[in-house]
Amino acid sequence: MRSQASVSSGASDQRQAPSASTPTSPGRLMTQMLGAFAEFEHAHIYWRNGAQAAYAIPHGGLFEEFARRGFERGIGFPLLRHDVRSWGGVQSFEKGVLFVPSGGTPSLVHGEIGKKYAAMGWETGALGLPTSDEQKVAGTDNIVQFFEHGDLRWSPTGVIVNINGKA
C-alpha cells in the first residue's frame, strides 16, 4: 500500500482536467515529496514535483493497469496526456509507454525495444500493437516483446526485428 499524507485539494484540480468530473477525495501528497494526486470520479490526476503540468490517468483501463504496476513507484509519473484510440488507450510514463487495448493484454513498451518500436512507427508501424510485456528468453541474456505482427528481441549486441517470422 502506498504511504500518503492528506493535503487539501483546490479548485485548480478541476480546471486542469475538467473531463475527470467531480473530486471524490481530497488531494494526496506522495511520500518524499515526489508529487501529488487527486482522485476524481472518472480519473486520477497526477503531478510530479517540478513538472509544468498535471495529467489525468482515466479509469476504465489505464488507471487500473497503472495501479497494477505499482502506481508512480512502478512505472513513474505520467509525462503526457492520455490518448484514446479506436483500439483502446495509451499514455506515456517516466518508465515507458503503457498500451491498454480494449479487451486485450495491457503492455508496457520501454528501453531499447521501446526505442526501436518508436522508430518503426509505434502501433501504426509494421508490428502493430504490443501483445505482451518484455520477457526473458530462457537460457540467454536476451529479452523479447511480442506484437500483433512480430516481435522485437534485445540482446547485448542490439535489437532484432522479427515481422511475421521474418528476421
Foldseek 3Di string as FASTA:
>chain_A
DFDWDFDAADCVVCVQPVVLPAFPDGKIQGPPRQWIWTHGPFWIWTDGPPDPGIETQGPDWRVVVCVVQPHCVRQHGWDDYWDQDPQGIWTAHPAFIWDTGVVADIEGDHDQRNVVCVVQPNQVGQQHHWRYYWDQDPPARKIWTHGPFFIWIQDPVGIDTAGNNRD
